[in-house]
Amino acid sequence: MKNLNLCAFADEAAASLDGQIAALKDNGIDLLEIRFIDGKNISELSVPEVKIIKDKLDSAGIAVWSIGSPAGKVDIKDDSHIDTFCHLIELAAVLKASHMRIFSFYGTNGSASYEDAVLERLERFIEKAKGSGVTLCHENEKDIYGDIAARCLAIHQKLPAIKAVFDPANFIQCGEDPAAAWELLAPYVEYLHIKDAKPDGTVVPAGHGGGGIPAILSDFTNRGGGTLTIEPHLQIFDGLDSLEAGKAENTYTYPDQRTAFDAAVNALKKIIESL
């Protein structure tokens, strides 16, 4: 258990790259899931900008584990996103990121009639990523097609090139039991997003909600899993409004972003030490 690799969305600790690096270093974390830098989504950054970021991260001894991309977080009828996806693959090469988080589109209302369209668009992602060395990982997320476990399972069974990034809190917010979701999806899970929530959807530190994180972590490691991305969502931070479409659900509040981030890291470390 002590050999788990900790990663984080460090934009929840600070908006600036320097602040993110400091938060990671102070917490003994050397992996980053990169999402926002200075308030700009990774997809909005240019190759020259990202090269500067890579140099700074290298100097600090921090590697980018995954691109926390918004790919697939668009309406199912929006085809313009493919150019953004190709740009993200280019940035992943610059950052030497081995993984990319993706989504399975809004506007489907969970209807099975959209399955073919969803799979076809995800297949485009697979085709564009071919040869890049980047593993695409679908995150279960509210309001997208793959929000509940059964639809996530269908995606992974029909498109085995796409792995899963498992978020317990998101399942709770969709009215699903994370333990039951884990039973279905565990064979496809590449890594975890550590975010917990109460039954009413309120986001709380890991171990304080209904996510069943200790049991999931134990099984994850038994299956050979190793990487966890800490995604606190404990306090409003730059970019949260856009991520949650203005529907932030947190009630755990802290004096500042950094305190909230540190609390989330410590909560996870406490769980790991107890296992």
C-alpha atoms as a PDB file:
ATOM      1  CA  MET A   1       0.000   0.000   0.000  1.00  0.00           C
ATOM      2  CA  LYS A   2       2.818   2.392   0.797  1.00  0.00           C
ATOM      3  CA  ASN A   3       4.031   2.046  -2.817  1.00  0.00           C
ATOM      4  CA  LEU A   4       1.035   3.793  -4.346  1.00  0.00           C
ATOM      5  CA  ASN A   5       1.974   6.659  -6.660  1.00  0.00           C
ATOM      6  CA  LEU A   6       0.297   9.908  -5.647  1.00  0.00           C
ATOM      7  CA  CYS A   7      -0.667  12.396  -8.334  1.00  0.00           C
ATOM      8  CA  ALA A   8      -2.814  15.524  -8.034  1.00  0.00           C
ATOM      9  CA  PHE A   9      -4.782  18.218  -9.765  1.00  0.00           C
ATOM     10  CA  ALA A  10      -2.494  20.879  -8.327  1.00  0.00           C
ATOM     11  CA  ASP A  11      -4.604  23.684  -9.806  1.00  0.00           C
ATOM     12  CA  GLU A  12      -6.782  23.130  -6.743  1.00  0.00           C
ATOM     13  CA  ALA A  13      -3.845  24.283  -4.598  1.00  0.00           C
ATOM     14  CA  ALA A  14      -2.863  27.335  -6.653  1.00  0.00           C
ATOM     15  CA  ALA A  15      -3.569  28.945  -9.998  1.00  0.00           C
ATOM     16  CA  SER A  16       0.074  29.678 -10.826  1.00  0.00           C
ATOM     17  CA  LEU A  17       2.521  27.013 -11.926  1.00  0.00           C
ATOM     18  CA  ASP A  18       4.954  28.046  -9.195  1.00  0.00           C
ATOM     19  CA  GLY A  19       2.229  27.646  -6.576  1.00  0.00           C
ATOM     20  CA  GLN A  20       1.269  24.245  -7.948  1.00  0.00           C
ATOM     21  CA  ILE A  21       4.868  23.065  -7.872  1.00  0.00           C
ATOM     22  CA  ALA A  22       5.264  24.249  -4.273  1.00  0.00           C
ATOM     23  CA  ALA A  23       2.106  22.416  -3.174  1.00  0.00           C
ATOM     24  CA  LEU A  24       3.210  19.191  -4.817  1.00  0.00           C
ATOM     25  CA  LYS A  25       6.739  19.364  -3.413  1.00  0.00           C
ATOM     26  CA  ASP A  26       5.591  20.227   0.105  1.00  0.00           C
ATOM     27  CA  ASN A  27       3.227  17.248   0.082  1.00  0.00           C
ATOM     28  CA  GLY A  28       5.782  14.813  -1.307  1.00  0.00           C
ATOM     29  CA  ILE A  29       3.958  14.351  -4.627  1.00  0.00           C
ATOM     30  CA  ASP A  30       5.937  14.169  -7.861  1.00  0.00           C
ATOM     31  CA  LEU A  31       3.165  13.476 -10.376  1.00  0.00           C
ATOM     32  CA  LEU A  32       0.782  16.037 -11.857  1.00  0.00           C
ATOM     33  CA  GLU A  33      -2.522  15.691 -13.680  1.00  0.00           C
ATOM     34  CA  ILE A  34      -2.331  18.973 -15.526  1.00  0.00           C
ATOM     35  CA  ARG A  35      -5.576  20.887 -16.100  1.00  0.00           C
ATOM     36  CA  PHE A  36      -5.369  24.664 -15.469  1.00  0.00           C
ATOM     37  CA  ILE A  37      -2.261  26.847 -15.399  1.00  0.00           C
ATOM     38  CA  ASP A  38      -2.699  30.513 -14.506  1.00  0.00           C
ATOM     39  CA  GLY A  39      -6.434  30.114 -15.026  1.00  0.00           C
ATOM     40  CA  LYS A  40      -6.050  28.748 -18.575  1.00  0.00           C
ATOM     41  CA  ASN A  41      -7.208  25.246 -19.424  1.00  0.00           C
ATOM     42  CA  ILE A  42      -4.466  23.009 -20.786  1.00  0.00           C
ATOM     43  CA  SER A  43      -6.323  22.872 -24.108  1.00  0.00           C
ATOM     44  CA  GLU A  44      -5.915  26.655 -24.468  1.00  0.00           C
ATOM     45  CA  LEU A  45      -2.138  26.640 -24.109  1.00  0.00           C
ATOM     46  CA  SER A  46       0.214  26.747 -27.077  1.00  0.00           C
ATOM     47  CA  VAL A  47       3.101  24.373 -27.697  1.00  0.00           C
ATOM     48  CA  PRO A  48       5.692  27.089 -26.827  1.00  0.00           C
ATOM     49  CA  GLU A  49       3.845  27.827 -23.568  1.00  0.00           C
ATOM     50  CA  VAL A  50       3.754  24.159 -22.675  1.00  0.00           C
ATOM     51  CA  LYS A  51       7.455  23.740 -23.410  1.00  0.00           C
ATOM     52  CA  ILE A  52       8.192  26.424 -20.810  1.00  0.00           C
ATOM     53  CA  ILE A  53       5.910  24.617 -18.348  1.00  0.00           C
ATOM     54  CA  LYS A  54       7.681  21.317 -19.048  1.00  0.00           C
ATOM     55  CA  ASP A  55      11.095  22.870 -18.352  1.00  0.00           C
ATOM     56  CA  LYS A  56       9.874  24.235 -15.004  1.00  0.00           C
ATOM     57  CA  LEU A  57       8.351  20.907 -14.013  1.00  0.00           C
ATOM     58  CA  ASP A  58      11.535  19.061 -14.993  1.00  0.00           C
ATOM     59  CA  SER A  59      13.613  21.411 -12.860  1.00  0.00           C
ATOM     60  CA  ALA A  60      11.325  20.671  -9.911  1.00  0.00           C
ATOM     61  CA  GLY A  61      11.447  16.898 -10.430  1.00  0.00           C
ATOM     62  CA  ILE A  62       7.740  16.690 -11.282  1.00  0.00           C
ATOM     63  CA  ALA A  63       6.382  14.567 -14.128  1.00  0.00           C
ATOM     64  CA  VAL A  64       3.019  14.879 -15.864  1.00  0.00           C
ATOM     65  CA  TRP A  65       1.166  11.605 -15.380  1.00  0.00           C
ATOM     66  CA  SER A  66      -1.994  12.617 -17.232  1.00  0.00           C
ATOM     67  CA  ILE A  67      -3.540  15.406 -19.254  1.00  0.00           C
ATOM     68  CA  GLY A  68      -6.707  16.379 -17.362  1.00  0.00           C
ATOM     69  CA  SER A  69      -8.312  17.269 -20.649  1.00  0.00           C
ATOM     70  CA  PRO A  70     -11.842  18.478 -21.415  1.00  0.00           C
ATOM     71  CA  ALA A  71     -11.971  16.186 -24.475  1.00  0.00           C
ATOM     72  CA  GLY A  72     -15.501  14.858 -24.898  1.00  0.00           C
ATOM     73  CA  LYS A  73     -16.973  17.377 -22.480  1.00  0.00           C
ATOM     74  CA  VAL A  74     -19.029  18.897 -25.304  1.00  0.00           C
ATOM     75  CA  ASP A  75     -22.444  18.327 -26.819  1.00  0.00           C
ATOM     76  CA  ILE A  76     -22.732  15.088 -28.784  1.00  0.00           C
ATOM     77  CA  LYS A  77     -23.593  17.105 -31.891  1.00  0.00           C
ATOM     78  CA  ASP A  78     -20.464  19.296 -31.652  1.00  0.00           C
ATOM     79  CA  ASP A  79     -17.796  18.050 -34.067  1.00  0.00           C
ATOM     80  CA  SER A  80     -15.418  20.961 -33.569  1.00  0.00           C
ATOM     81  CA  HIS A  81     -13.823  19.291 -30.540  1.00  0.00           C
ATOM     82  CA  ILE A  82     -11.688  16.935 -32.637  1.00  0.00           C
ATOM     83  CA  ASP A  83      -9.220  19.735 -33.423  1.00  0.00           C
ATOM     84  CA  THR A  84      -8.910  20.434 -29.704  1.00  0.00           C
ATOM     85  CA  PHE A  85      -8.280  16.752 -29.076  1.00  0.00           C
ATOM     86  CA  CYS A  86      -5.498  16.633 -31.675  1.00  0.00           C
ATOM     87  CA  HIS A  87      -3.896  19.675 -30.046  1.00  0.00           C
ATOM     88  CA  LEU A  88      -4.053  17.932 -26.660  1.00  0.00           C
ATOM     89  CA  ILE A  89      -2.297  14.878 -28.088  1.00  0.00           C
ATOM     90  CA  GLU A  90       0.428  17.211 -29.360  1.00  0.00           C
ATOM     91  CA  LEU A  91       0.756  18.768 -25.906  1.00  0.00           C
ATOM     92  CA  ALA A  92       0.888  15.305 -24.302  1.00  0.00           C
ATOM     93  CA  ALA A  93       3.948  14.554 -26.433  1.00  0.00           C
ATOM     94  CA  VAL A  94       5.644  17.763 -25.265  1.00  0.00           C
ATOM     95  CA  LEU A  95       4.851  16.984 -21.624  1.00  0.00           C
ATOM     96  CA  LYS A  96       5.658  13.282 -22.026  1.00  0.00           C
ATOM     97  CA  ALA A  97       2.300  12.451 -20.464  1.00  0.00           C
ATOM     98  CA  SER A  98       1.370   8.779 -20.748  1.00  0.00           C
ATOM     99  CA  HIS A  99      -2.362   9.248 -20.058  1.00  0.00           C
ATOM    100  CA  MET A 100      -5.229  11.532 -20.989  1.00  0.00           C
ATOM    101  CA  ARG A 101      -8.574  11.860 -19.217  1.00  0.00           C
ATOM    102  CA  ILE A 102     -11.550  12.046 -21.604  1.00  0.00           C
ATOM    103  CA  PHE A 103     -15.365  12.191 -21.409  1.00  0.00           C
ATOM    104  CA  SER A 104     -18.312  10.815 -23.399  1.00  0.00           C
ATOM    105  CA  PHE A 105     -20.335  13.893 -24.336  1.00  0.00           C
ATOM    106  CA  TYR A 106     -23.265  15.920 -23.114  1.00  0.00           C
ATOM    107  CA  GLY A 107     -26.704  16.061 -24.688  1.00  0.00           C
ATOM    108  CA  THR A 108     -27.484  12.342 -24.704  1.00  0.00           C
ATOM    109  CA  ASN A 109     -29.885  12.315 -21.719  1.00  0.00           C
ATOM    110  CA  GLY A 110     -28.589   8.832 -20.973  1.00  0.00           C
ATOM    111  CA  SER A 111     -30.536   7.420 -23.900  1.00  0.00           C
ATOM    112  CA  ALA A 112     -29.362   4.146 -25.446  1.00  0.00           C
ATOM    113  CA  SER A 113     -30.253   5.632 -28.827  1.00  0.00           C
ATOM    114  CA  TYR A 114     -27.066   7.704 -28.584  1.00  0.00           C
ATOM    115  CA  GLU A 115     -24.737   4.786 -27.965  1.00  0.00           C
ATOM    116  CA  ASP A 116     -23.618   4.395 -31.586  1.00  0.00           C
ATOM    117  CA  ALA A 117     -22.925   8.120 -31.902  1.00  0.00           C
ATOM    118  CA  VAL A 118     -20.940   8.140 -28.652  1.00  0.00           C
ATOM    119  CA  LEU A 119     -18.873   5.121 -29.666  1.00  0.00           C
ATOM    120  CA  GLU A 120     -18.223   6.559 -33.117  1.00  0.00           C
ATOM    121  CA  ARG A 121     -16.912   9.814 -31.654  1.00  0.00           C
ATOM    122  CA  LEU A 122     -14.783   8.004 -29.091  1.00  0.00           C
ATOM    123  CA  GLU A 123     -13.374   5.868 -31.890  1.00  0.00           C
ATOM    124  CA  ARG A 124     -12.227   9.094 -33.540  1.00  0.00           C
ATOM    125  CA  PHE A 125     -10.277   9.880 -30.379  1.00  0.00           C
ATOM    126  CA  ILE A 126      -8.702   6.425 -30.469  1.00  0.00           C
ATOM    127  CA  GLU A 127      -7.733   6.859 -34.118  1.00  0.00           C
ATOM    128  CA  LYS A 128      -6.203  10.304 -33.552  1.00  0.00           C
ATOM    129  CA  ALA A 129      -4.260   9.038 -30.517  1.00  0.00           C
ATOM    130  CA  LYS A 130      -2.906   5.985 -32.327  1.00  0.00           C
ATOM    131  CA  GLY A 131       0.884   5.822 -32.188  1.00  0.00           C
ATOM    132  CA  SER A 132       1.128   8.602 -29.596  1.00  0.00           C
ATOM    133  CA  GLY A 133       1.776   6.310 -26.643  1.00  0.00           C
ATOM    134  CA  VAL A 134      -1.050   8.042 -24.755  1.00  0.00           C
ATOM    135  CA  THR A 135      -3.577   5.840 -22.944  1.00  0.00           C
ATOM    136  CA  LEU A 136      -7.067   7.347 -23.138  1.00  0.00           C
ATOM    137  CA  CYS A 137      -8.977   7.070 -19.864  1.00  0.00           C
ATOM    138  CA  HIS A 138     -12.704   7.740 -19.678  1.00  0.00           C
ATOM    139  CA  GLU A 139     -13.939   9.413 -16.492  1.00  0.00           C
ATOM    140  CA  ASN A 140     -17.443   8.794 -15.205  1.00  0.00           C
ATOM    141  CA  GLU A 141     -18.933  12.285 -14.942  1.00  0.00           C
ATOM    142  CA  LYS A 142     -22.333  13.819 -14.255  1.00  0.00           C
ATOM    143  CA  ASP A 143     -24.529  14.537 -17.280  1.00  0.00           C
ATOM    144  CA  ILE A 144     -22.352  12.800 -19.887  1.00  0.00           C
ATOM    145  CA  TYR A 145     -23.278   9.501 -21.562  1.00  0.00           C
ATOM    146  CA  GLY A 146     -20.887   7.516 -19.370  1.00  0.00           C
ATOM    147  CA  ASP A 147     -22.210   8.858 -16.092  1.00  0.00           C
ATOM    148  CA  ILE A 148     -23.446   5.569 -14.628  1.00  0.00           C
ATOM    149  CA  ALA A 149     -21.577   2.285 -14.349  1.00  0.00           C
ATOM    150  CA  ALA A 150     -23.630   0.301 -16.875  1.00  0.00           C
ATOM    151  CA  ARG A 151     -22.954   2.779 -19.672  1.00  0.00           C
ATOM    152  CA  CYS A 152     -19.294   3.072 -18.681  1.00  0.00           C
ATOM    153  CA  LEU A 153     -19.061  -0.722 -18.880  1.00  0.00           C
ATOM    154  CA  ALA A 154     -20.522  -0.715 -22.387  1.00  0.00           C
ATOM    155  CA  ILE A 155     -17.910   1.821 -23.507  1.00  0.00           C
ATOM    156  CA  HIS A 156     -15.026  -0.251 -22.150  1.00  0.00           C
ATOM    157  CA  GLN A 157     -16.338  -3.548 -23.471  1.00  0.00           C
ATOM    158  CA  LYS A 158     -16.898  -2.171 -26.958  1.00  0.00           C
ATOM    159  CA  LEU A 159     -13.811   0.052 -27.064  1.00  0.00           C
ATOM    160  CA  PRO A 160     -11.129  -1.810 -25.084  1.00  0.00           C
ATOM    161  CA  ALA A 161      -8.469   0.722 -26.105  1.00  0.00           C
ATOM    162  CA  ILE A 162     -10.159   3.174 -23.715  1.00  0.00           C
ATOM    163  CA  LYS A 163      -9.411   2.529 -20.054  1.00  0.00           C
ATOM    164  CA  ALA A 164     -11.293   3.913 -17.046  1.00  0.00           C
ATOM    165  CA  VAL A 165     -10.432   6.602 -14.539  1.00  0.00           C
ATOM    166  CA  PHE A 166     -12.729   5.848 -11.611  1.00  0.00           C
ATOM    167  CA  ASP A 167     -14.242   8.697  -9.563  1.00  0.00           C
ATOM    168  CA  PRO A 168     -16.305   7.484  -6.564  1.00  0.00           C
ATOM    169  CA  ALA A 169     -17.825  10.894  -5.787  1.00  0.00           C
ATOM    170  CA  ASN A 170     -19.138  11.311  -9.319  1.00  0.00           C
ATOM    171  CA  PHE A 171     -20.976   7.996  -9.057  1.00  0.00           C
ATOM    172  CA  ILE A 172     -22.568   9.096  -5.785  1.00  0.00           C
ATOM    173  CA  GLN A 173     -23.692  12.343  -7.438  1.00  0.00           C
ATOM    174  CA  CYS A 174     -25.374  10.247 -10.132  1.00  0.00           C
ATOM    175  CA  GLY A 175     -27.253   8.159  -7.568  1.00  0.00           C
ATOM    176  CA  GLU A 176     -24.981   5.140  -8.001  1.00  0.00           C
ATOM    177  CA  ASP A 177     -23.328   2.962  -5.366  1.00  0.00           C
ATOM    178  CA  PRO A 178     -19.536   3.305  -5.870  1.00  0.00           C
ATOM    179  CA  ALA A 179     -18.935  -0.212  -4.510  1.00  0.00           C
ATOM    180  CA  ALA A 180     -21.305  -1.723  -7.081  1.00  0.00           C
ATOM    181  CA  ALA A 181     -19.777   0.445  -9.820  1.00  0.00           C
ATOM    182  CA  TRP A 182     -16.328  -0.750  -8.787  1.00  0.00           C
ATOM    183  CA  GLU A 183     -17.396  -4.392  -9.090  1.00  0.00           C
ATOM    184  CA  LEU A 184     -18.415  -3.771 -12.684  1.00  0.00           C
ATOM    185  CA  LEU A 185     -15.544  -1.545 -13.775  1.00  0.00           C
ATOM    186  CA  ALA A 186     -12.497  -2.635 -11.764  1.00  0.00           C
ATOM    187  CA  PRO A 187     -11.009  -4.756 -14.596  1.00  0.00           C
ATOM    188  CA  TYR A 188     -10.925  -1.677 -16.833  1.00  0.00           C
ATOM    189  CA  VAL A 189      -9.621   0.896 -14.330  1.00  0.00           C
ATOM    190  CA  GLU A 190      -6.244   2.456 -15.130  1.00  0.00           C
ATOM    191  CA  TYR A 191      -6.183   4.900 -12.232  1.00  0.00           C
ATOM    192  CA  LEU A 192      -8.401   6.601  -9.654  1.00  0.00           C
ATOM    193  CA  HIS A 193      -9.566  10.136  -9.008  1.00  0.00           C
ATOM    194  CA  ILE A 194      -9.689  10.458  -5.238  1.00  0.00           C
ATOM    195  CA  LYS A 195     -12.799  12.464  -4.500  1.00  0.00           C
ATOM    196  CA  ASP A 196     -15.392  11.505  -1.898  1.00  0.00           C
ATOM    197  CA  ALA A 197     -18.978  12.651  -1.308  1.00  0.00           C
ATOM    198  CA  LYS A 198     -21.870  12.239   1.089  1.00  0.00           C
ATOM    199  CA  PRO A 199     -25.089  10.575  -0.118  1.00  0.00           C
ATOM    200  CA  ASP A 200     -26.534  14.007  -0.942  1.00  0.00           C
ATOM    201  CA  GLY A 201     -23.595  14.670  -3.295  1.00  0.00           C
ATOM    202  CA  THR A 202     -21.723  17.055  -1.009  1.00  0.00           C
ATOM    203  CA  VAL A 203     -17.976  16.711  -1.653  1.00  0.00           C
ATOM    204  CA  VAL A 204     -15.903  15.871   1.431  1.00  0.00           C
ATOM    205  CA  PRO A 205     -12.336  14.718   2.165  1.00  0.00           C
ATOM    206  CA  ALA A 206     -11.502  11.123   1.279  1.00  0.00           C
ATOM    207  CA  GLY A 207     -12.892   8.714   3.856  1.00  0.00           C
ATOM    208  CA  HIS A 208     -15.545  11.136   5.111  1.00  0.00           C
ATOM    209  CA  GLY A 209     -18.199  10.220   2.553  1.00  0.00           C
ATOM    210  CA  GLY A 210     -19.863   7.212   0.993  1.00  0.00           C
ATOM    211  CA  GLY A 211     -17.229   6.515  -1.654  1.00  0.00           C
ATOM    212  CA  GLY A 212     -15.915   3.381   0.022  1.00  0.00           C
ATOM    213  CA  ILE A 213     -12.420   4.557  -0.815  1.00  0.00           C
ATOM    214  CA  PRO A 214     -10.493   2.291   1.619  1.00  0.00           C
ATOM    215  CA  ALA A 215     -12.051  -0.889   0.186  1.00  0.00           C
ATOM    216  CA  ILE A 216     -11.626   0.324  -3.389  1.00  0.00           C
ATOM    217  CA  LEU A 217      -7.967   1.212  -2.779  1.00  0.00           C
ATOM    218  CA  SER A 218      -7.306  -2.207  -1.268  1.00  0.00           C
ATOM    219  CA  ASP A 219      -8.791  -4.017  -4.264  1.00  0.00           C
ATOM    220  CA  PHE A 220      -7.138  -1.623  -6.722  1.00  0.00           C
ATOM    221  CA  THR A 221      -3.678  -2.426  -5.372  1.00  0.00           C
ATOM    222  CA  ASN A 222      -4.446  -6.144  -5.217  1.00  0.00           C
ATOM    223  CA  ARG A 223      -5.223  -5.943  -8.927  1.00  0.00           C
ATOM    224  CA  GLY A 224      -1.858  -4.265  -9.599  1.00  0.00           C
ATOM    225  CA  GLY A 225      -3.080  -0.675  -9.739  1.00  0.00           C
ATOM    226  CA  GLY A 226      -0.705   2.022  -8.601  1.00  0.00           C
ATOM    227  CA  THR A 227      -1.629   5.638  -9.352  1.00  0.00           C
ATOM    228  CA  LEU A 228      -4.121   7.887  -7.581  1.00  0.00           C
ATOM    229  CA  THR A 229      -4.938  11.457  -8.594  1.00  0.00           C
ATOM    230  CA  ILE A 230      -6.119  13.625  -5.708  1.00  0.00           C
ATOM    231  CA  GLU A 231      -9.010  15.835  -6.844  1.00  0.00           C
ATOM    232  CA  PRO A 232     -10.266  17.550  -3.672  1.00  0.00           C
ATOM    233  CA  HIS A 233     -13.074  19.859  -4.928  1.00  0.00           C
ATOM    234  CA  LEU A 234     -13.230  21.045  -1.318  1.00  0.00           C
ATOM    235  CA  GLN A 235     -13.209  24.751  -2.085  1.00  0.00           C
ATOM    236  CA  ILE A 236     -13.912  26.952  -5.064  1.00  0.00           C
ATOM    237  CA  PHE A 237     -10.748  27.377  -7.125  1.00  0.00           C
ATOM    238  CA  ASP A 238      -9.910  28.964 -10.477  1.00  0.00           C
ATOM    239  CA  GLY A 239     -11.731  26.972 -13.126  1.00  0.00           C
ATOM    240  CA  LEU A 240     -14.223  25.119 -10.900  1.00  0.00           C
ATOM    241  CA  ASP A 241     -17.210  27.093 -12.169  1.00  0.00           C
ATOM    242  CA  SER A 242     -16.426  26.041 -15.723  1.00  0.00           C
ATOM    243  CA  LEU A 243     -15.850  22.415 -14.704  1.00  0.00           C
ATOM    244  CA  GLU A 244     -19.130  22.163 -12.827  1.00  0.00           C
ATOM    245  CA  ALA A 245     -21.121  24.456 -15.154  1.00  0.00           C
ATOM    246  CA  GLY A 246     -21.665  26.836 -12.238  1.00  0.00           C
ATOM    247  CA  LYS A 247     -23.010  24.097  -9.954  1.00  0.00           C
ATOM    248  CA  ALA A 248     -20.317  23.782  -7.290  1.00  0.00           C
ATOM    249  CA  GLU A 249     -21.520  21.344  -4.640  1.00  0.00           C
ATOM    250  CA  ASN A 250     -18.880  21.727  -1.913  1.00  0.00           C
ATOM    251  CA  THR A 251     -19.662  22.596   1.679  1.00  0.00           C
ATOM    252  CA  TYR A 252     -16.282  21.755   3.221  1.00  0.00           C
ATOM    253  CA  THR A 253     -14.588  25.136   3.270  1.00  0.00           C
ATOM    254  CA  TYR A 254     -11.054  26.161   4.159  1.00  0.00           C
ATOM    255  CA  PRO A 255      -9.335  29.531   4.610  1.00  0.00           C
ATOM    256  CA  ASP A 256      -7.597  29.212   1.249  1.00  0.00           C
ATOM    257  CA  GLN A 257      -6.975  26.888  -1.677  1.00  0.00           C
ATOM    258  CA  ARG A 258      -3.701  25.580  -0.350  1.00  0.00           C
ATOM    259  CA  THR A 259      -5.167  24.597   3.025  1.00  0.00           C
ATOM    260  CA  ALA A 260      -7.972  22.710   1.279  1.00  0.00           C
ATOM    261  CA  PHE A 261      -5.469  20.918  -0.963  1.00  0.00           C
ATOM    262  CA  ASP A 262      -3.260  19.917   1.965  1.00  0.00           C
ATOM    263  CA  ALA A 263      -6.301  18.626   3.861  1.00  0.00           C
ATOM    264  CA  ALA A 264      -7.290  16.437   0.904  1.00  0.00           C
ATOM    265  CA  VAL A 265      -3.782  15.006   0.602  1.00  0.00           C
ATOM    266  CA  ASN A 266      -3.575  14.279   4.318  1.00  0.00           C
ATOM    267  CA  ALA A 267      -6.972  12.563   4.307  1.00  0.00           C
ATOM    268  CA  LEU A 268      -5.837  10.192   1.567  1.00  0.00           C
ATOM    269  CA  LYS A 269      -2.493   9.527   3.238  1.00  0.00           C
ATOM    270  CA  LYS A 270      -4.321   8.629   6.442  1.00  0.00           C
ATOM    271  CA  ILE A 271      -6.408   6.057   4.577  1.00  0.00           C
ATOM    272  CA  ILE A 272      -3.324   4.556   2.908  1.00  0.00           C
ATOM    273  CA  GLU A 273      -1.509   4.261   6.238  1.00  0.00           C
ATOM    274  CA  SER A 274      -4.493   2.453   7.755  1.00  0.00           C
ATOM    275  CA  LEU A 275      -4.631  -0.256   5.124  1.00  0.00           C
END
